[in-house]
Amino acid sequence: MMGTGLDDVYTDAARRRAMETTRQRLADRLREGPATASELADSLSLPTAVVYEHLGHVSRSVGDDESFLVAPPTCRNCGFDGFDDPVNYPSRCPECKSERIEEPAFLIE
């Protein structure tokens, strides 16, 4: 008799992936190497805004033996990188008002 559960539809790897939460998938991806929110959104098929929502939670939930690292957003026009919230993508630079902002990059190591 043929079942209709996950065992019949997915391979082991696909089944594990289906069971993981979005935050677990984000954390696992950041353990592989640095990534911007846009890169994470593309690789996990999520909207960028959703990735930013989850990154704050991921940063607080890393283990005691790990660090959540952030390369802050940087203005491509004047080089300003002192943004108030590094886990955010500002729309423009407070110094020169340029909208040419490089996204922050994130890493768990």
C-alpha atoms as a PDB file:
ATOM      1  CA  MET A   1       0.000   0.000   0.000  1.00  0.00           C
ATOM      2  CA  MET A   2       1.365   3.388  -0.977  1.00  0.00           C
ATOM      3  CA  GLY A   3       1.479   6.127   1.709  1.00  0.00           C
ATOM      4  CA  THR A   4       1.085   9.840   1.212  1.00  0.00           C
ATOM      5  CA  GLY A   5       3.467  11.144   3.896  1.00  0.00           C
ATOM      6  CA  LEU A   6       6.725  13.061   3.537  1.00  0.00           C
ATOM      7  CA  ASP A   7       8.638   9.763   3.417  1.00  0.00           C
ATOM      8  CA  ASP A   8       7.109   8.964   0.060  1.00  0.00           C
ATOM      9  CA  VAL A   9       7.568  12.376  -1.517  1.00  0.00           C
ATOM     10  CA  TYR A  10      10.959  13.699  -0.370  1.00  0.00           C
ATOM     11  CA  THR A  11      14.499  12.428  -0.167  1.00  0.00           C
ATOM     12  CA  ASP A  12      16.120  12.596   3.280  1.00  0.00           C
ATOM     13  CA  ALA A  13      17.834  15.918   2.495  1.00  0.00           C
ATOM     14  CA  ALA A  14      14.659  17.460   1.094  1.00  0.00           C
ATOM     15  CA  ARG A  15      12.638  16.232   4.061  1.00  0.00           C
ATOM     16  CA  ARG A  16      15.117  17.810   6.523  1.00  0.00           C
ATOM     17  CA  ARG A  17      15.024  21.061   4.553  1.00  0.00           C
ATOM     18  CA  ALA A  18      11.217  21.105   4.616  1.00  0.00           C
ATOM     19  CA  MET A  19      11.241  20.686   8.393  1.00  0.00           C
ATOM     20  CA  GLU A  20      13.737  23.491   9.086  1.00  0.00           C
ATOM     21  CA  THR A  21      12.496  26.901  10.064  1.00  0.00           C
ATOM     22  CA  THR A  22      13.349  30.006   8.067  1.00  0.00           C
ATOM     23  CA  ARG A  23      15.638  31.213  10.860  1.00  0.00           C
ATOM     24  CA  GLN A  24      17.469  27.881  10.943  1.00  0.00           C
ATOM     25  CA  ARG A  25      17.995  28.058   7.180  1.00  0.00           C
ATOM     26  CA  LEU A  26      19.291  31.648   7.469  1.00  0.00           C
ATOM     27  CA  ALA A  27      21.679  30.706  10.270  1.00  0.00           C
ATOM     28  CA  ASP A  28      22.931  27.646   8.363  1.00  0.00           C
ATOM     29  CA  ARG A  29      23.568  29.771   5.264  1.00  0.00           C
ATOM     30  CA  LEU A  30      25.460  32.395   7.311  1.00  0.00           C
ATOM     31  CA  ARG A  31      27.683  29.681   8.787  1.00  0.00           C
ATOM     32  CA  GLU A  32      28.792  28.882   5.218  1.00  0.00           C
ATOM     33  CA  GLY A  33      30.118  32.400   4.610  1.00  0.00           C
ATOM     34  CA  PRO A  34      29.193  36.090   4.539  1.00  0.00           C
ATOM     35  CA  ALA A  35      26.070  37.197   2.688  1.00  0.00           C
ATOM     36  CA  THR A  36      23.926  40.282   2.237  1.00  0.00           C
ATOM     37  CA  ALA A  37      20.176  40.210   2.863  1.00  0.00           C
ATOM     38  CA  SER A  38      19.574  40.283  -0.902  1.00  0.00           C
ATOM     39  CA  GLU A  39      21.831  37.267  -1.408  1.00  0.00           C
ATOM     40  CA  LEU A  40      20.079  35.422   1.417  1.00  0.00           C
ATOM     41  CA  ALA A  41      16.691  36.311  -0.041  1.00  0.00           C
ATOM     42  CA  ASP A  42      17.700  34.956  -3.442  1.00  0.00           C
ATOM     43  CA  SER A  43      19.219  31.737  -2.113  1.00  0.00           C
ATOM     44  CA  LEU A  44      16.286  30.994   0.212  1.00  0.00           C
ATOM     45  CA  SER A  45      13.501  32.293  -2.071  1.00  0.00           C
ATOM     46  CA  LEU A  46      12.305  34.890   0.432  1.00  0.00           C
ATOM     47  CA  PRO A  47      11.508  38.596   0.141  1.00  0.00           C
ATOM     48  CA  THR A  48      14.421  40.765   1.328  1.00  0.00           C
ATOM     49  CA  ALA A  49      12.179  42.474   3.910  1.00  0.00           C
ATOM     50  CA  VAL A  50      11.421  39.083   5.481  1.00  0.00           C
ATOM     51  CA  VAL A  51      15.140  38.303   5.694  1.00  0.00           C
ATOM     52  CA  TYR A  52      15.776  41.560   7.581  1.00  0.00           C
ATOM     53  CA  GLU A  53      12.944  40.713   9.998  1.00  0.00           C
ATOM     54  CA  HIS A  54      14.521  37.355  10.799  1.00  0.00           C
ATOM     55  CA  LEU A  55      18.154  38.525  11.012  1.00  0.00           C
ATOM     56  CA  GLY A  56      17.572  40.342  14.303  1.00  0.00           C
ATOM     57  CA  HIS A  57      16.247  37.138  15.839  1.00  0.00           C
ATOM     58  CA  VAL A  58      19.057  35.057  14.357  1.00  0.00           C
ATOM     59  CA  SER A  59      21.632  37.477  15.819  1.00  0.00           C
ATOM     60  CA  ARG A  60      20.214  36.949  19.320  1.00  0.00           C
ATOM     61  CA  SER A  61      19.930  33.179  19.034  1.00  0.00           C
ATOM     62  CA  VAL A  62      23.448  32.166  17.987  1.00  0.00           C
ATOM     63  CA  GLY A  63      25.172  29.837  20.420  1.00  0.00           C
ATOM     64  CA  ASP A  64      27.640  30.908  23.107  1.00  0.00           C
ATOM     65  CA  ASP A  65      30.495  29.500  21.037  1.00  0.00           C
ATOM     66  CA  GLU A  66      29.494  31.506  17.934  1.00  0.00           C
ATOM     67  CA  SER A  67      29.429  35.174  16.933  1.00  0.00           C
ATOM     68  CA  PHE A  68      26.995  37.007  14.662  1.00  0.00           C
ATOM     69  CA  LEU A  69      29.155  39.433  12.705  1.00  0.00           C
ATOM     70  CA  VAL A  70      27.953  42.405  10.672  1.00  0.00           C
ATOM     71  CA  ALA A  71      29.855  44.448   8.105  1.00  0.00           C
ATOM     72  CA  PRO A  72      27.770  47.635   8.348  1.00  0.00           C
ATOM     73  CA  PRO A  73      26.097  49.354   5.418  1.00  0.00           C
ATOM     74  CA  THR A  74      28.443  51.825   3.755  1.00  0.00           C
ATOM     75  CA  CYS A  75      27.771  54.876   1.622  1.00  0.00           C
ATOM     76  CA  ARG A  76      29.417  54.375  -1.760  1.00  0.00           C
ATOM     77  CA  ASN A  77      29.551  58.140  -2.234  1.00  0.00           C
ATOM     78  CA  CYS A  78      31.270  59.393   0.959  1.00  0.00           C
ATOM     79  CA  GLY A  79      32.218  56.174   2.811  1.00  0.00           C
ATOM     80  CA  PHE A  80      30.013  56.815   5.867  1.00  0.00           C
ATOM     81  CA  ASP A  81      29.415  53.600   7.836  1.00  0.00           C
ATOM     82  CA  GLY A  82      28.129  54.828  11.219  1.00  0.00           C
ATOM     83  CA  PHE A  83      24.500  53.901  10.712  1.00  0.00           C
ATOM     84  CA  ASP A  84      22.408  53.515  13.884  1.00  0.00           C
ATOM     85  CA  ASP A  85      21.180  49.992  13.136  1.00  0.00           C
ATOM     86  CA  PRO A  86      23.668  47.805  11.255  1.00  0.00           C
ATOM     87  CA  VAL A  87      21.024  45.061  10.823  1.00  0.00           C
ATOM     88  CA  ASN A  88      19.045  47.313   8.522  1.00  0.00           C
ATOM     89  CA  TYR A  89      19.334  48.645   4.996  1.00  0.00           C
ATOM     90  CA  PRO A  90      19.071  52.439   5.113  1.00  0.00           C
ATOM     91  CA  SER A  91      17.548  54.236   2.166  1.00  0.00           C
ATOM     92  CA  ARG A  92      20.119  57.038   2.116  1.00  0.00           C
ATOM     93  CA  CYS A  93      23.228  58.361   3.791  1.00  0.00           C
ATOM     94  CA  PRO A  94      22.653  60.803   6.676  1.00  0.00           C
ATOM     95  CA  GLU A  95      25.909  62.611   5.816  1.00  0.00           C
ATOM     96  CA  CYS A  96      25.721  63.261   2.070  1.00  0.00           C
ATOM     97  CA  LYS A  97      22.099  62.166   1.385  1.00  0.00           C
ATOM     98  CA  SER A  98      23.256  59.768  -1.328  1.00  0.00           C
ATOM     99  CA  GLU A  99      21.103  56.712  -2.028  1.00  0.00           C
ATOM    100  CA  ARG A 100      24.143  54.699  -3.143  1.00  0.00           C
ATOM    101  CA  ILE A 101      24.335  52.497  -0.048  1.00  0.00           C
ATOM    102  CA  GLU A 102      26.168  49.182   0.012  1.00  0.00           C
ATOM    103  CA  GLU A 103      24.166  46.536   1.850  1.00  0.00           C
ATOM    104  CA  PRO A 104      25.416  45.183   5.174  1.00  0.00           C
ATOM    105  CA  ALA A 105      26.908  41.698   5.079  1.00  0.00           C
ATOM    106  CA  PHE A 106      26.312  39.087   7.767  1.00  0.00           C
ATOM    107  CA  LEU A 107      28.250  36.055   8.993  1.00  0.00           C
ATOM    108  CA  ILE A 108      28.066  33.519  11.801  1.00  0.00           C
ATOM    109  CA  GLU A 109      31.410  32.109  12.909  1.00  0.00           C
END
